[in-house]
């Protein structure tokens, strides 16, 4: 279970941002009015402003040399936590240490070998653990099991790992103390994006946990989402063509983002989607070649004709195809920017 994204609530936003970017040397990759995000290797960690001060458990993995640097930074600031024997430097399959951040989150750094190629980076690897408290860890395990691989057995009702060597959720019963502190596990909102065996969005029925599961394509191309992005100078007409006319579902939109606005249409959902962006100052957009196509295979002849007629009635132009193949069973229509959409009456390859 690779942990791509962790989203937590936070209270002391400025102190937290300084702690993660300055002391822990994580890159600031997003900053909004009420949130910010840092990059811990392959994991993005988001903090959203909260009116109260929650606390969580998160474990960050890193190599031996960078572990020593971060350990010494934390030691200098007197932030390291000691175990029952008074030790601040521990060992569990690698060097290990615990500490608090400004919100009181119980954080862990864990030395691990690099497993993503031959060139080991000097820095963070990823988030390897996120604590997920509940009143019943067996129920939570069963809720997650259909969507993610789990190599660990649950042998008691207080604590269990869920996941594999790529990353784990630490399932812990509420009230059990987080090691090595006397702070009991509490339930607070958590949003995660993780790898799994099928794409899905999980909203726990009683707990404030939202987990997006993404299935990687393959080991050679481990992509979890695909986007085709295109600029335009007439965004409203593009929205009309692809939304109202073609019938694609809008799956996202944004405005005033560093000078850009945009919209995303699902193909048919977020896993594969089409984005159109428009800059506030406009862009130079050359006319595309006539064989630059988006092809939709619509096996139902009547539905194909219905979509085409809807677009034509809206004033969009049916054109002969550059390649005559697409005219045999297909209808080609130009969008407002001159890009061509083919409605092809076959089932495809």
Protein backbone atom coordinates (compact mmCIF):
# COMPACT_ATOMS: atom_id res chain seq x y z
CA UNK A 1 0.00 0.00 0.00
CA UNK A 2 1.90 3.02 -1.22
CA UNK A 3 0.84 6.20 0.56
CA UNK A 4 0.67 8.93 -2.08
CA UNK A 5 -1.10 11.61 -0.08
CA UNK A 6 -1.92 12.30 3.57
CA UNK A 7 -4.32 15.09 4.52
CA UNK A 8 -4.66 16.05 8.20
CA UNK A 9 -6.15 18.88 10.25
CA UNK A 10 -3.82 21.32 11.99
CA UNK A 11 -4.08 24.26 14.38
CA UNK A 12 -0.76 26.16 14.54
CA UNK A 13 -0.48 26.63 10.77
CA UNK A 14 2.49 29.03 10.62
CA UNK A 15 4.48 27.11 13.20
CA UNK A 16 3.67 23.84 11.44
CA UNK A 17 4.73 25.22 8.05
CA UNK A 18 8.03 26.49 9.46
CA UNK A 19 8.65 23.20 11.29
CA UNK A 20 8.17 21.01 8.22
CA UNK A 21 9.91 23.25 5.71
CA UNK A 22 12.77 24.60 7.83
CA UNK A 23 13.56 21.98 10.46
CA UNK A 24 12.52 18.85 8.54
CA UNK A 25 13.67 20.23 5.17
CA UNK A 26 10.50 19.26 3.28
CA UNK A 27 9.68 21.17 0.12
CA UNK A 28 6.62 23.44 0.26
CA UNK A 29 4.57 22.38 -2.78
CA UNK A 30 1.26 24.12 -2.08
CA UNK A 31 0.03 27.02 0.02
CA UNK A 32 -3.54 28.27 0.20
CA UNK A 33 -5.46 30.56 2.51
CA UNK A 34 -6.24 27.78 4.98
CA UNK A 35 -3.90 24.95 4.01
CA UNK A 36 -0.42 24.01 2.88
CA UNK A 37 1.35 20.90 1.64
CA UNK A 38 4.89 19.59 1.86
CA UNK A 39 6.61 16.84 -0.08
CA UNK A 40 8.08 13.93 1.88
CA UNK A 41 9.73 11.96 -0.89
CA UNK A 42 6.90 10.41 -2.90
CA UNK A 43 4.21 11.43 -0.39
CA UNK A 44 2.45 14.79 -0.31
CA UNK A 45 1.38 15.78 3.19
CA UNK A 46 -1.42 18.36 3.43
CA UNK A 47 -2.44 20.29 6.52
CA UNK A 48 -5.85 22.00 6.66
CA UNK A 49 -6.65 24.73 9.19
CA UNK A 50 -8.78 23.52 12.10
CA UNK A 51 -10.43 25.40 14.98
CA UNK A 52 -9.17 22.82 17.45
CA UNK A 53 -5.85 21.03 17.90
CA UNK A 54 -6.00 17.35 16.89
CA UNK A 55 -3.07 14.97 16.95
CA UNK A 56 -2.04 12.06 14.77
CA UNK A 57 0.71 9.48 14.31
CA UNK A 58 2.77 9.59 11.10
CA UNK A 59 6.01 7.77 10.26
CA UNK A 60 8.45 9.13 7.67
CA UNK A 61 11.03 6.87 6.03
CA UNK A 62 14.49 7.97 4.95
CA UNK A 63 18.03 6.74 4.36
CA UNK A 64 20.81 6.36 6.92
CA UNK A 65 22.75 9.55 6.18
CA UNK A 66 19.68 11.80 6.06
CA UNK A 67 18.34 10.10 9.19
CA UNK A 68 21.45 11.22 11.06
CA UNK A 69 21.02 14.81 9.87
CA UNK A 70 17.36 15.01 10.88
CA UNK A 71 18.06 13.22 14.17
CA UNK A 72 20.74 15.75 15.05
CA UNK A 73 18.50 18.66 14.08
CA UNK A 74 15.75 17.35 16.37
CA UNK A 75 18.22 16.62 19.16
CA UNK A 76 19.59 20.14 19.00
CA UNK A 77 16.07 21.51 19.44
CA UNK A 78 15.41 19.03 22.29
CA UNK A 79 12.40 17.57 20.50
CA UNK A 80 13.21 13.85 20.62
CA UNK A 81 11.03 11.59 22.75
CA UNK A 82 12.50 8.92 25.02
CA UNK A 83 11.24 5.38 25.52
CA UNK A 84 10.71 3.58 28.82
CA UNK A 85 14.47 3.10 29.15
CA UNK A 86 15.22 6.78 28.60
CA UNK A 87 16.61 6.19 25.10
CA UNK A 88 16.02 8.70 22.31
CA UNK A 89 17.84 6.63 19.68
CA UNK A 90 16.04 3.35 19.02
CA UNK A 91 16.21 0.50 16.53
CA UNK A 92 13.50 -1.48 14.71
CA UNK A 93 14.87 -3.06 11.52
CA UNK A 94 16.76 0.25 11.19
CA UNK A 95 17.45 3.40 13.16
CA UNK A 96 14.32 4.90 14.69
CA UNK A 97 13.32 8.02 16.64
CA UNK A 98 10.15 9.77 17.79
CA UNK A 99 9.30 13.44 18.26
CA UNK A 100 6.48 15.99 18.42
CA UNK A 101 5.65 18.69 15.90
CA UNK A 102 4.12 22.05 17.02
CA UNK A 103 0.61 20.55 17.04
CA UNK A 104 1.67 17.62 19.21
CA UNK A 105 1.50 15.00 16.47
CA UNK A 106 3.50 11.90 17.40
CA UNK A 107 5.98 11.63 14.54
CA UNK A 108 8.48 8.88 13.78
CA UNK A 109 11.51 8.73 11.52
CA UNK A 110 12.57 5.28 10.40
CA UNK A 111 15.72 4.36 8.51
CA UNK A 112 15.03 2.01 5.63
CA UNK A 113 16.95 0.84 2.54
CA UNK A 114 16.03 2.61 -0.68
CA UNK A 115 13.82 0.39 -2.84
CA UNK A 116 13.12 2.59 -5.89
CA UNK A 117 16.21 2.06 -8.02
CA UNK A 118 19.98 2.32 -7.82
CA UNK A 119 20.32 6.08 -7.28
CA UNK A 120 19.55 6.62 -3.61
CA UNK A 121 18.49 10.24 -2.97
CA UNK A 122 19.64 12.26 0.00
CA UNK A 123 16.32 13.14 1.57
CA UNK A 124 12.91 11.79 2.44
CA UNK A 125 11.63 8.58 0.87
CA UNK A 126 7.93 8.57 1.78
CA UNK A 127 5.34 8.26 4.51
CA UNK A 128 5.49 4.66 5.64
CA UNK A 129 2.81 4.67 8.34
CA UNK A 130 -0.32 6.60 9.26
CA UNK A 131 -2.18 5.91 12.48
CA UNK A 132 -5.89 5.14 11.97
CA UNK A 133 -7.66 4.80 15.34
CA UNK A 134 -11.07 3.19 15.74
CA UNK A 135 -13.24 1.58 18.38
CA UNK A 136 -13.04 -1.76 16.53
CA UNK A 137 -9.91 -2.51 14.50
CA UNK A 138 -11.39 -5.77 13.16
CA UNK A 139 -14.26 -3.82 11.59
CA UNK A 140 -11.86 -1.27 10.12
CA UNK A 141 -9.65 -4.04 8.72
CA UNK A 142 -12.67 -5.68 7.05
CA UNK A 143 -13.73 -2.29 5.63
CA UNK A 144 -10.34 -1.83 3.93
CA UNK A 145 -9.56 -5.42 2.93
CA UNK A 146 -11.49 -5.65 -0.39
CA UNK A 147 -9.47 -2.80 -1.89
CA UNK A 148 -5.90 -3.07 -0.58
CA UNK A 149 -3.37 -5.85 -0.11
CA UNK A 150 -2.63 -6.74 3.50
CA UNK A 151 0.16 -9.07 4.59
CA UNK A 152 -0.42 -8.72 8.35
CA UNK A 153 -2.61 -10.76 10.66
CA UNK A 154 -4.76 -9.09 13.30
CA UNK A 155 -4.08 -11.01 16.51
CA UNK A 156 -5.57 -8.68 19.11
CA UNK A 157 -8.14 -5.90 19.39
CA UNK A 158 -5.67 -3.15 20.37
CA UNK A 159 -3.13 -2.82 17.55
CA UNK A 160 -2.44 -4.14 14.06
CA UNK A 161 -0.62 -3.11 10.91
CA UNK A 162 -2.63 -3.09 7.69
CA UNK A 163 -0.80 -3.04 4.35
CA UNK A 164 2.59 -4.27 3.20
CA UNK A 165 6.23 -3.22 2.90
CA UNK A 166 5.22 -0.28 0.69
CA UNK A 167 3.25 1.31 3.53
CA UNK A 168 0.82 0.59 6.32
CA UNK A 169 -2.11 1.96 8.21
CA UNK A 170 -1.58 1.51 11.93
CA UNK A 171 -4.96 0.27 13.14
CA UNK A 172 -5.18 1.06 16.82
CA UNK A 173 -8.00 0.97 19.33
CA UNK A 174 -8.99 4.36 20.71
CA UNK A 175 -7.50 4.95 24.14
CA UNK A 176 -4.36 2.91 23.55
CA UNK A 177 -1.29 5.09 24.06
CA UNK A 178 0.87 5.98 21.07
CA UNK A 179 4.40 4.67 21.64
CA UNK A 180 6.52 6.04 23.28
CA UNK A 181 4.10 8.56 24.83
CA UNK A 182 1.21 8.48 27.25
CA UNK A 183 -1.08 10.15 24.70
CA UNK A 184 -4.09 7.94 23.90
CA UNK A 185 -5.14 7.40 20.31
CA UNK A 186 -8.02 9.66 19.30
CA UNK A 187 -10.21 9.82 16.22
CA UNK A 188 -9.71 12.89 14.02
CA UNK A 189 -10.42 13.49 10.30
CA UNK A 190 -7.99 11.82 7.89
CA UNK A 191 -7.92 11.79 4.09
CA UNK A 192 -5.58 9.42 2.30
CA UNK A 193 -4.72 8.53 -1.29
CA UNK A 194 -3.10 5.10 -1.48
CA UNK A 195 -2.40 2.32 -3.95
CA UNK A 196 -4.62 -0.72 -4.10
CA UNK A 197 -6.07 -3.42 -6.30
CA UNK A 198 -8.97 -1.36 -7.69
CA UNK A 199 -9.92 2.30 -8.07
CA UNK A 200 -12.43 3.42 -5.49
CA UNK A 201 -13.37 6.16 -3.02
CA UNK A 202 -13.99 4.94 0.53
CA UNK A 203 -15.98 7.02 3.01
CA UNK A 204 -16.22 5.20 6.33
CA UNK A 205 -19.87 5.18 7.49
CA UNK A 206 -19.13 6.21 11.09
CA UNK A 207 -15.52 7.44 11.20
CA UNK A 208 -14.19 10.69 9.64
CA UNK A 209 -11.91 8.81 7.24
CA UNK A 210 -11.91 9.27 3.46
CA UNK A 211 -9.58 7.05 1.47
CA UNK A 212 -9.07 7.21 -2.28
CA UNK A 213 -7.58 4.00 -3.69
CA UNK A 214 -5.73 4.13 -6.99
CA UNK A 215 -4.68 1.07 -8.97
CA UNK A 216 -1.32 1.47 -10.72
CA UNK A 217 -1.30 0.55 -14.41
CA UNK A 218 1.76 -1.68 -14.33
CA UNK A 219 5.22 -1.99 -12.81
CA UNK A 220 6.80 -0.37 -15.87
CA UNK A 221 4.35 2.57 -15.96
CA UNK A 222 2.93 2.88 -12.43
CA UNK A 223 0.61 5.75 -13.36
CA UNK A 224 -2.64 6.05 -11.41
CA UNK A 225 -4.38 8.72 -13.51
CA UNK A 226 -4.15 10.10 -17.07
CA UNK A 227 -4.98 13.62 -18.26
CA UNK A 228 -4.99 15.17 -21.73
CA UNK A 229 -4.58 18.93 -21.26
CA UNK A 230 -5.37 21.52 -23.92
CA UNK A 231 -5.35 25.34 -23.94
CA UNK A 232 -8.20 27.44 -25.28
CA UNK A 233 -9.23 31.08 -25.54
CA UNK A 234 -12.97 30.34 -25.47
CA UNK A 235 -13.50 28.25 -22.37
CA UNK A 236 -17.26 28.87 -22.10
CA UNK A 237 -17.90 27.57 -25.62
CA UNK A 238 -15.64 24.57 -24.97
CA UNK A 239 -17.65 23.79 -21.84
CA UNK A 240 -20.84 24.03 -23.90
CA UNK A 241 -19.47 21.75 -26.65
CA UNK A 242 -18.03 18.98 -24.48
CA UNK A 243 -20.52 19.19 -21.62
CA UNK A 244 -23.95 20.15 -22.93
CA UNK A 245 -23.31 19.01 -26.51
CA UNK A 246 -21.16 15.90 -26.36
CA UNK A 247 -22.48 14.93 -22.94
CA UNK A 248 -19.26 14.42 -20.98
CA UNK A 249 -19.45 14.70 -17.22
CA UNK A 250 -17.60 17.59 -15.59
CA UNK A 251 -15.31 16.11 -12.93
CA UNK A 252 -13.47 19.24 -11.85
CA UNK A 253 -12.94 22.93 -12.45
CA UNK A 254 -10.91 25.82 -11.11
CA UNK A 255 -10.48 29.58 -11.53
CA UNK A 256 -7.92 32.27 -10.75
CA UNK A 257 -5.14 29.73 -10.23
CA UNK A 258 -1.94 31.60 -11.08
CA UNK A 259 -3.74 33.29 -13.94
CA UNK A 260 -5.54 30.22 -15.22
CA UNK A 261 -9.06 28.88 -15.15
CA UNK A 262 -10.05 25.46 -16.35
CA UNK A 263 -12.41 22.52 -16.48
CA UNK A 264 -11.99 18.75 -16.54
CA UNK A 265 -14.30 16.27 -18.26
CA UNK A 266 -14.22 12.57 -17.39
CA UNK A 267 -13.39 9.93 -20.00
CA UNK A 268 -15.63 8.75 -18.44
CA UNK A 269 -14.30 9.66 -14.96
CA UNK A 270 -11.26 11.08 -13.18
CA UNK A 271 -9.10 8.06 -14.01
CA UNK A 272 -8.86 9.26 -17.61
CA UNK A 273 -9.93 12.83 -18.23
CA UNK A 274 -9.73 15.78 -20.57
CA UNK A 275 -8.71 19.22 -19.29
CA UNK A 276 -9.15 22.62 -20.92
CA UNK A 277 -7.38 25.68 -19.54
CA UNK A 278 -7.60 29.37 -20.35
CA UNK A 279 -5.11 32.05 -19.29
CA UNK A 280 -6.43 35.45 -18.29
CA UNK A 281 -4.22 37.09 -20.92
CA UNK A 282 -5.07 34.61 -23.66
CA UNK A 283 -2.75 32.23 -25.51
CA UNK A 284 -1.45 31.77 -29.03
CA UNK A 285 -3.28 28.68 -30.25
CA UNK A 286 -2.57 27.52 -33.82
CA UNK A 287 -5.24 25.67 -35.76
CA UNK A 288 -4.71 21.91 -35.32
CA UNK A 289 -4.15 19.51 -38.22
CA UNK A 290 -7.33 17.95 -39.54
CA UNK A 291 -6.35 14.43 -38.50
CA UNK A 292 -5.87 15.46 -34.84
CA UNK A 293 -8.82 13.55 -33.38
CA UNK A 294 -10.68 12.52 -30.27
CA UNK A 295 -12.54 9.34 -31.19
CA UNK A 296 -15.53 8.10 -29.20
CA UNK A 297 -16.67 4.60 -30.14
CA UNK A 298 -20.46 4.61 -29.74
CA UNK A 299 -21.80 1.18 -30.68
CA UNK A 300 -25.44 2.29 -30.48
CA UNK A 301 -26.22 3.89 -33.87
CA UNK A 302 -29.22 5.81 -32.56
CA UNK A 303 -27.26 7.25 -29.62
CA UNK A 304 -24.42 8.23 -31.96
CA UNK A 305 -26.86 10.09 -34.19
CA UNK A 306 -28.56 11.69 -31.19
CA UNK A 307 -25.26 13.15 -29.93
CA UNK A 308 -24.29 14.35 -33.42
CA UNK A 309 -27.68 15.98 -34.03
CA UNK A 310 -27.52 17.72 -30.66
CA UNK A 311 -24.14 19.26 -31.51
CA UNK A 312 -25.24 20.25 -35.03
CA UNK A 313 -28.39 21.95 -33.67
CA UNK A 314 -26.14 23.92 -31.31
CA UNK A 315 -24.36 25.29 -34.37
CA UNK A 316 -21.29 23.06 -34.51
CA UNK A 317 -20.10 21.90 -37.90
CA UNK A 318 -20.02 18.37 -39.30
CA UNK A 319 -17.01 18.00 -41.60
CA UNK A 320 -15.64 15.29 -43.89
CA UNK A 321 -12.78 13.43 -42.27
CA UNK A 322 -9.19 13.86 -43.46
CA UNK A 323 -8.87 10.07 -43.32
CA UNK A 324 -11.86 8.54 -45.18
CA UNK A 325 -11.84 5.58 -42.78
CA UNK A 326 -13.64 7.70 -40.16
CA UNK A 327 -16.46 8.53 -42.58
CA UNK A 328 -17.42 4.88 -42.88
CA UNK A 329 -19.76 4.63 -39.91
CA UNK A 330 -18.50 7.76 -38.21
CA UNK A 331 -19.48 11.42 -37.92
CA UNK A 332 -16.78 14.09 -37.50
CA UNK A 333 -17.59 17.41 -35.83
CA UNK A 334 -15.27 20.34 -35.10
CA UNK A 335 -15.16 21.88 -31.63
CA UNK A 336 -14.86 25.69 -31.19
CA UNK A 337 -11.06 25.56 -31.54
CA UNK A 338 -11.12 23.46 -34.72
CA UNK A 339 -10.19 20.19 -33.02
CA UNK A 340 -12.15 17.29 -34.41
CA UNK A 341 -14.31 14.82 -32.52
CA UNK A 342 -15.30 11.57 -34.21
CA UNK A 343 -18.39 9.63 -33.13
CA UNK A 344 -17.58 6.18 -34.50
CA UNK A 345 -20.28 3.54 -34.77
CA UNK A 346 -18.17 0.48 -33.88
CA UNK A 347 -17.03 -1.21 -30.67
CA UNK A 348 -13.38 -0.30 -31.32
CA UNK A 349 -10.44 -2.69 -31.17
